Amino acid sequence: MKILIIENEIYLAQSIATKLGELGHTCEMCTSTKDAIKSNNYDVVLLSTNINGQDFNPVIDTFKKSIIILMVSYISNDTVSKPLSAGAKDYILKPFMIEELIRKIDHYQDYEKLKRRNEAYEKYLNHSFSSITQEHNHSHIELPIFISSSFQKYVDAFAFSHAFAKNLPIHFISLGDTKANSEIALLPQNSIIYIINFQMLKKSERKAFYEVIANRQVIVASSDKIEDVDYRVLEIKSENNIFDQGDILPIEDYVKYIVLSYQHKFPDTELSKKLGISRKSLWEKRKKYDIIKKK
């Protein structure tokens, strides 16, 4: 990581830089806030609050996307409370062990990585489910619930939307994993467990499964019709019934579905290329299926 050390005690700054450098970090030092704000491309900023007569707010504002850790000689409203409110992440009291500083840096680095990763996952899920119409009032839905659908993505959308509506963490389990029951038993109570592939369970295995999900907030998905369960069962049909027939259909039916579903998302040149046909063939199929492309 690239680390900026803002400290007027040169010996202390050099000592910190040396020890962090031994761990593979790149460190730069400055003795004033004025010099510090000339650049903002740092992963971590170590800011000493005992630099007399200097305003820390411009530094915190400049490095608001970085991990700012305050190095303080004493705790007060000016040295800790106000900088934390302005955007600093944490503080460490001088004198300190370098190991404690490294622990804080590692902790916030891991946190920022998880935060960015979570934001990317949420953005991807929102994009992935944007084409699915959600008509469920999750505030009135109680778990456990079993859901059957021949289109897995519809149940995925239901499960993640429910977790978001309830503001609870969600855990994913596949019953194709032989250790699924053990994993479910270890999960925390105050969370939603999304379980797929119920259709893979043998009847002889279901009793043990029902026991492990008892009194748990679970959403259980199956690609087959669900029968003989003592829980609420919901069937979610896809917007195009070719996925709900539970059988292998002629290729032409799938081509028709693709044209209907994606002709408004892709230009004809790209859509025909994805289907492996010419634009003329695409036009002929629209005519054959009586599909009108709205402009």
Protein backbone atom coordinates (compact mmCIF):
# COMPACT_ATOMS: atom_id res chain seq x y z
CA MET A 1 0.00 0.00 0.00
CA LYS A 2 0.99 3.62 -0.47
CA ILE A 3 1.05 5.36 2.91
CA LEU A 4 1.43 9.07 3.75
CA ILE A 5 2.79 9.94 7.21
CA ILE A 6 1.98 13.48 8.39
CA GLU A 7 4.12 13.99 11.47
CA ASN A 8 6.35 16.85 12.68
CA GLU A 9 8.42 14.51 14.88
CA ILE A 10 10.89 13.44 12.20
CA TYR A 11 12.40 10.57 14.19
CA LEU A 12 8.97 9.04 14.86
CA ALA A 13 7.91 9.42 11.22
CA GLN A 14 11.12 7.78 9.99
CA SER A 15 10.75 4.92 12.47
CA ILE A 16 7.17 4.24 11.32
CA ALA A 17 8.18 4.49 7.64
CA THR A 18 11.07 2.06 8.12
CA LYS A 19 8.97 -0.59 9.84
CA LEU A 20 6.10 -0.28 7.36
CA GLY A 21 8.60 -0.38 4.49
CA GLU A 22 9.96 -3.68 5.79
CA LEU A 23 6.43 -5.07 5.37
CA GLY A 24 6.35 -4.03 1.72
CA HIS A 25 4.50 -0.72 2.02
CA THR A 26 5.60 2.45 0.23
CA CYS A 27 5.79 5.38 2.66
CA GLU A 28 6.10 9.13 2.14
CA MET A 29 6.49 11.73 4.89
CA CYS A 30 5.64 15.38 5.37
CA THR A 31 5.69 17.68 8.39
CA SER A 32 2.77 20.02 7.62
CA THR A 33 -0.83 19.73 6.47
CA LYS A 34 -0.13 22.31 3.76
CA ASP A 35 2.40 20.01 2.10
CA ALA A 36 0.17 16.97 2.64
CA ILE A 37 -2.77 18.20 0.55
CA LYS A 38 -0.65 18.65 -2.58
CA SER A 39 -1.34 15.02 -3.48
CA ASN A 40 -4.25 12.67 -2.70
CA ASN A 41 -3.23 9.33 -4.19
CA TYR A 42 -2.68 7.35 -0.97
CA ASP A 43 -4.26 4.20 0.43
CA VAL A 44 -3.57 5.15 4.06
CA VAL A 45 -2.90 8.49 5.75
CA LEU A 46 -1.34 8.55 9.24
CA LEU A 47 -2.17 12.00 10.61
CA SER A 48 -0.56 13.38 13.77
CA THR A 49 -2.94 15.74 15.58
CA ASN A 50 -0.27 17.41 17.71
CA ILE A 51 1.04 19.60 14.89
CA ASN A 52 0.46 22.99 16.52
CA GLY A 53 -1.69 25.61 14.85
CA GLN A 54 -2.71 23.56 11.82
CA ASP A 55 -6.19 22.78 10.51
CA PHE A 56 -6.78 19.07 9.95
CA ASN A 57 -10.08 19.40 8.07
CA PRO A 58 -8.50 20.13 4.64
CA VAL A 59 -6.37 16.99 5.05
CA ILE A 60 -9.37 14.84 5.98
CA ASP A 61 -11.40 16.31 3.11
CA THR A 62 -8.55 15.77 0.61
CA PHE A 63 -8.03 12.15 1.66
CA LYS A 64 -11.68 11.22 2.30
CA LYS A 65 -11.32 8.16 0.05
CA SER A 66 -8.26 6.97 1.97
CA ILE A 67 -7.98 5.24 5.34
CA ILE A 68 -7.13 8.04 7.79
CA ILE A 69 -5.74 7.00 11.18
CA LEU A 70 -5.07 9.73 13.75
CA MET A 71 -1.91 9.58 15.85
CA VAL A 72 -2.72 11.45 19.08
CA SER A 73 -0.82 12.34 22.26
CA TYR A 74 -4.02 12.84 24.26
CA ILE A 75 -7.74 12.37 23.69
CA SER A 76 -9.95 15.44 23.36
CA ASN A 77 -12.74 16.83 21.25
CA ASP A 78 -10.26 18.57 18.93
CA THR A 79 -7.75 15.73 18.57
CA VAL A 80 -10.17 12.81 18.21
CA SER A 81 -13.92 13.51 18.22
CA LYS A 82 -14.04 16.24 15.57
CA PRO A 83 -11.62 14.53 13.13
CA LEU A 84 -13.55 11.25 13.45
CA SER A 85 -16.81 13.09 12.74
CA ALA A 86 -15.17 14.72 9.72
CA GLY A 87 -14.20 11.37 8.18
CA ALA A 88 -11.13 9.90 9.88
CA LYS A 89 -11.46 6.15 10.46
CA ASP A 90 -9.71 5.59 13.80
CA TYR A 91 -7.04 6.85 16.18
CA ILE A 92 -4.05 5.44 18.04
CA LEU A 93 -2.64 6.89 21.25
CA LYS A 94 1.07 7.78 21.42
CA PRO A 95 3.32 6.10 22.35
CA PHE A 96 2.17 2.99 20.54
CA MET A 97 3.52 -0.34 19.42
CA ILE A 98 4.01 -0.52 15.66
CA GLU A 99 2.21 -3.90 15.69
CA GLU A 100 -0.94 -2.19 16.96
CA LEU A 101 -0.76 0.38 14.15
CA ILE A 102 -0.27 -2.37 11.58
CA ARG A 103 -3.26 -4.25 13.00
CA LYS A 104 -5.44 -1.16 12.54
CA ILE A 105 -4.17 -0.60 9.00
CA ASP A 106 -4.82 -4.24 8.05
CA HIS A 107 -8.28 -4.14 9.67
CA TYR A 108 -9.44 -1.09 7.72
CA GLN A 109 -7.82 -2.29 4.51
CA ASP A 110 -9.79 -5.55 4.78
CA TYR A 111 -12.95 -3.56 5.57
CA GLU A 112 -12.55 -1.33 2.52
CA LYS A 113 -11.94 -4.36 0.27
CA LEU A 114 -15.09 -6.05 1.56
CA LYS A 115 -17.06 -2.83 1.20
CA ARG A 116 -16.03 -2.37 -2.45
CA ARG A 117 -16.61 -6.05 -3.19
CA ASN A 118 -20.08 -5.88 -1.63
CA GLU A 119 -20.94 -2.79 -3.66
CA ALA A 120 -19.88 -4.59 -6.85
CA TYR A 121 -21.96 -7.66 -5.96
CA GLU A 122 -25.03 -5.52 -5.22
CA LYS A 123 -24.63 -3.63 -8.49
CA TYR A 124 -24.31 -6.89 -10.42
CA LEU A 125 -27.34 -8.46 -8.72
CA ASN A 126 -29.46 -5.36 -9.38
CA HIS A 127 -28.43 -5.50 -13.03
CA SER A 128 -29.00 -9.26 -13.26
CA PHE A 129 -32.50 -9.04 -11.76
CA SER A 130 -33.56 -5.81 -13.50
CA SER A 131 -35.50 -7.70 -16.19
CA ILE A 132 -37.53 -9.67 -13.62
CA THR A 133 -40.85 -8.29 -12.44
CA GLN A 134 -41.15 -8.54 -8.66
CA GLU A 135 -44.74 -8.53 -7.42
CA HIS A 136 -44.22 -9.94 -3.92
CA ASN A 137 -44.96 -7.98 -0.76
CA HIS A 138 -42.08 -9.23 1.36
CA SER A 139 -43.36 -7.53 4.51
CA HIS A 140 -46.24 -10.05 4.53
CA ILE A 141 -44.19 -13.14 3.67
CA GLU A 142 -43.13 -15.35 6.55
CA LEU A 143 -40.38 -17.95 6.42
CA PRO A 144 -39.78 -20.88 6.01
CA ILE A 145 -41.08 -21.02 2.45
CA PHE A 146 -40.53 -23.51 -0.38
CA ILE A 147 -40.49 -22.16 -3.94
CA SER A 148 -40.72 -24.09 -7.18
CA SER A 149 -39.71 -22.57 -10.49
CA SER A 150 -38.23 -23.94 -13.68
CA PHE A 151 -36.23 -20.73 -14.03
CA GLN A 152 -33.71 -20.51 -11.15
CA LYS A 153 -33.08 -16.81 -11.65
CA TYR A 154 -36.63 -15.97 -10.56
CA VAL A 155 -36.14 -17.65 -7.19
CA ASP A 156 -32.73 -15.99 -6.85
CA ALA A 157 -34.39 -12.61 -7.31
CA PHE A 158 -37.05 -13.47 -4.73
CA ALA A 159 -34.49 -14.59 -2.13
CA PHE A 160 -32.18 -11.60 -2.42
CA SER A 161 -35.10 -9.14 -2.55
CA HIS A 162 -36.54 -10.70 0.60
CA ALA A 163 -33.21 -10.42 2.43
CA PHE A 164 -32.92 -6.78 1.36
CA ALA A 165 -36.49 -6.00 2.46
CA LYS A 166 -35.91 -7.62 5.86
CA ASN A 167 -32.44 -6.03 6.19
CA LEU A 168 -30.91 -9.38 7.11
CA PRO A 169 -27.74 -11.15 5.92
CA ILE A 170 -28.30 -13.99 3.46
CA HIS A 171 -26.42 -17.29 3.30
CA PHE A 172 -26.36 -19.55 0.25
CA ILE A 173 -26.48 -23.36 0.47
CA SER A 174 -26.79 -26.00 -2.27
CA LEU A 175 -28.29 -29.36 -1.36
CA GLY A 176 -25.98 -30.81 -3.97
CA ASP A 177 -23.27 -30.46 -1.33
CA THR A 178 -23.06 -33.50 0.96
CA LYS A 179 -22.21 -31.22 3.90
CA ALA A 180 -25.24 -28.95 3.40
CA ASN A 181 -27.08 -29.97 6.58
CA SER A 182 -23.97 -29.44 8.70
CA GLU A 183 -23.42 -25.99 7.19
CA ILE A 184 -27.05 -24.99 7.83
CA ALA A 185 -26.80 -26.06 11.48
CA LEU A 186 -23.78 -23.77 12.02
CA LEU A 187 -25.34 -20.64 10.53
CA PRO A 188 -26.55 -17.84 12.87
CA GLN A 189 -30.23 -17.66 13.74
CA ASN A 190 -30.81 -14.03 12.80
CA SER A 191 -30.17 -14.51 9.08
CA ILE A 192 -31.87 -15.80 5.95
CA ILE A 193 -30.69 -19.09 4.47
CA TYR A 194 -31.27 -19.52 0.75
CA ILE A 195 -31.19 -23.23 -0.14
CA ILE A 196 -31.34 -24.53 -3.71
CA ASN A 197 -31.62 -27.96 -5.37
CA PHE A 198 -34.34 -29.37 -3.12
CA GLN A 199 -35.23 -31.65 -6.05
CA MET A 200 -31.91 -33.46 -5.55
CA LEU A 201 -32.84 -34.71 -2.08
CA LYS A 202 -33.96 -38.32 -1.86
CA LYS A 203 -37.13 -38.94 0.12
CA SER A 204 -35.08 -40.82 2.69
CA GLU A 205 -32.94 -37.69 3.24
CA ARG A 206 -35.79 -35.25 3.73
CA LYS A 207 -36.52 -35.99 7.38
CA ALA A 208 -33.01 -34.96 8.44
CA PHE A 209 -33.27 -31.85 6.27
CA TYR A 210 -36.62 -30.82 7.81
CA GLU A 211 -35.12 -31.23 11.28
CA VAL A 212 -32.15 -28.99 10.55
CA ILE A 213 -34.30 -26.18 9.07
CA ALA A 214 -36.86 -26.26 11.88
CA ASN A 215 -37.42 -22.76 13.31
CA ARG A 216 -34.98 -21.27 10.78
CA GLN A 217 -35.62 -18.49 8.27
CA VAL A 218 -35.12 -20.47 5.10
CA ILE A 219 -36.07 -20.09 1.45
CA VAL A 220 -35.89 -23.49 -0.24
CA ALA A 221 -35.86 -23.65 -4.04
CA SER A 222 -36.69 -26.54 -6.36
CA SER A 223 -36.77 -26.80 -10.14
CA ASP A 224 -39.43 -29.53 -9.80
CA LYS A 225 -42.95 -29.29 -8.46
CA ILE A 226 -42.96 -29.44 -4.65
CA GLU A 227 -45.31 -31.87 -2.96
CA ASP A 228 -45.78 -33.40 0.49
CA VAL A 229 -44.12 -30.68 2.58
CA ASP A 230 -45.55 -29.13 5.72
CA TYR A 231 -44.49 -25.62 4.81
CA ARG A 232 -45.93 -22.90 2.62
CA VAL A 233 -45.22 -23.57 -1.06
CA LEU A 234 -44.99 -20.83 -3.68
CA GLU A 235 -44.77 -21.43 -7.42
CA ILE A 236 -43.10 -18.75 -9.51
CA LYS A 237 -43.76 -18.93 -13.22
CA SER A 238 -41.47 -17.27 -15.73
CA GLU A 239 -42.77 -14.49 -17.93
CA ASN A 240 -42.41 -16.78 -20.92
CA ASN A 241 -44.04 -20.17 -20.45
CA ILE A 242 -41.44 -22.12 -22.42
CA PHE A 243 -39.49 -22.43 -19.16
CA ASP A 244 -42.51 -23.72 -17.24
CA GLN A 245 -43.31 -26.76 -19.35
CA GLY A 246 -40.70 -29.03 -17.77
CA ASP A 247 -39.77 -30.61 -21.09
CA ILE A 248 -37.31 -30.21 -23.95
CA LEU A 249 -38.87 -28.01 -26.62
CA PRO A 250 -38.06 -27.49 -30.30
CA ILE A 251 -35.18 -25.11 -30.99
CA GLU A 252 -37.57 -22.80 -32.84
CA ASP A 253 -39.49 -22.14 -29.59
CA TYR A 254 -36.31 -21.07 -27.85
CA VAL A 255 -35.34 -18.86 -30.79
CA LYS A 256 -38.75 -17.21 -30.63
CA TYR A 257 -38.29 -16.57 -26.91
CA ILE A 258 -34.86 -15.02 -27.43
CA VAL A 259 -36.15 -12.73 -30.19
CA LEU A 260 -39.10 -11.60 -28.05
CA SER A 261 -37.00 -11.05 -24.96
CA TYR A 262 -33.92 -9.39 -26.40
CA GLN A 263 -34.93 -7.55 -29.57
CA HIS A 264 -35.33 -4.34 -27.57
CA LYS A 265 -31.92 -4.73 -25.90
CA PHE A 266 -29.76 -5.43 -28.95
CA PRO A 267 -29.71 -4.04 -32.50
CA ASP A 268 -30.60 -6.57 -35.20
CA THR A 269 -26.97 -6.94 -36.27
CA GLU A 270 -25.87 -8.00 -32.78
CA LEU A 271 -28.96 -10.10 -32.04
CA SER A 272 -28.65 -12.09 -35.27
CA LYS A 273 -24.93 -12.61 -34.56
CA LYS A 274 -25.69 -13.96 -31.06
CA LEU A 275 -28.27 -16.35 -32.56
CA GLY A 276 -25.82 -17.44 -35.25
CA ILE A 277 -28.11 -16.40 -38.10
CA SER A 278 -28.16 -13.65 -40.72
CA ARG A 279 -30.19 -10.44 -40.41
CA LYS A 280 -32.34 -11.70 -43.25
CA SER A 281 -33.09 -14.91 -41.32
CA LEU A 282 -33.95 -12.83 -38.25
CA TRP A 283 -36.38 -10.77 -40.32
CA GLU A 284 -37.92 -13.97 -41.72
CA LYS A 285 -38.38 -15.41 -38.22
CA ARG A 286 -40.14 -12.24 -37.06
CA LYS A 287 -42.47 -12.56 -40.03
CA LYS A 288 -43.02 -16.28 -39.34
CA TYR A 289 -43.81 -15.75 -35.64
CA ASP A 290 -45.73 -12.52 -36.26
CA ILE A 291 -43.35 -10.60 -33.99
CA ILE A 292 -43.51 -6.83 -34.30
CA LYS A 293 -40.50 -4.81 -33.17
CA LYS A 294 -41.63 -1.55 -31.65
CA LYS A 295 -39.48 1.46 -32.39
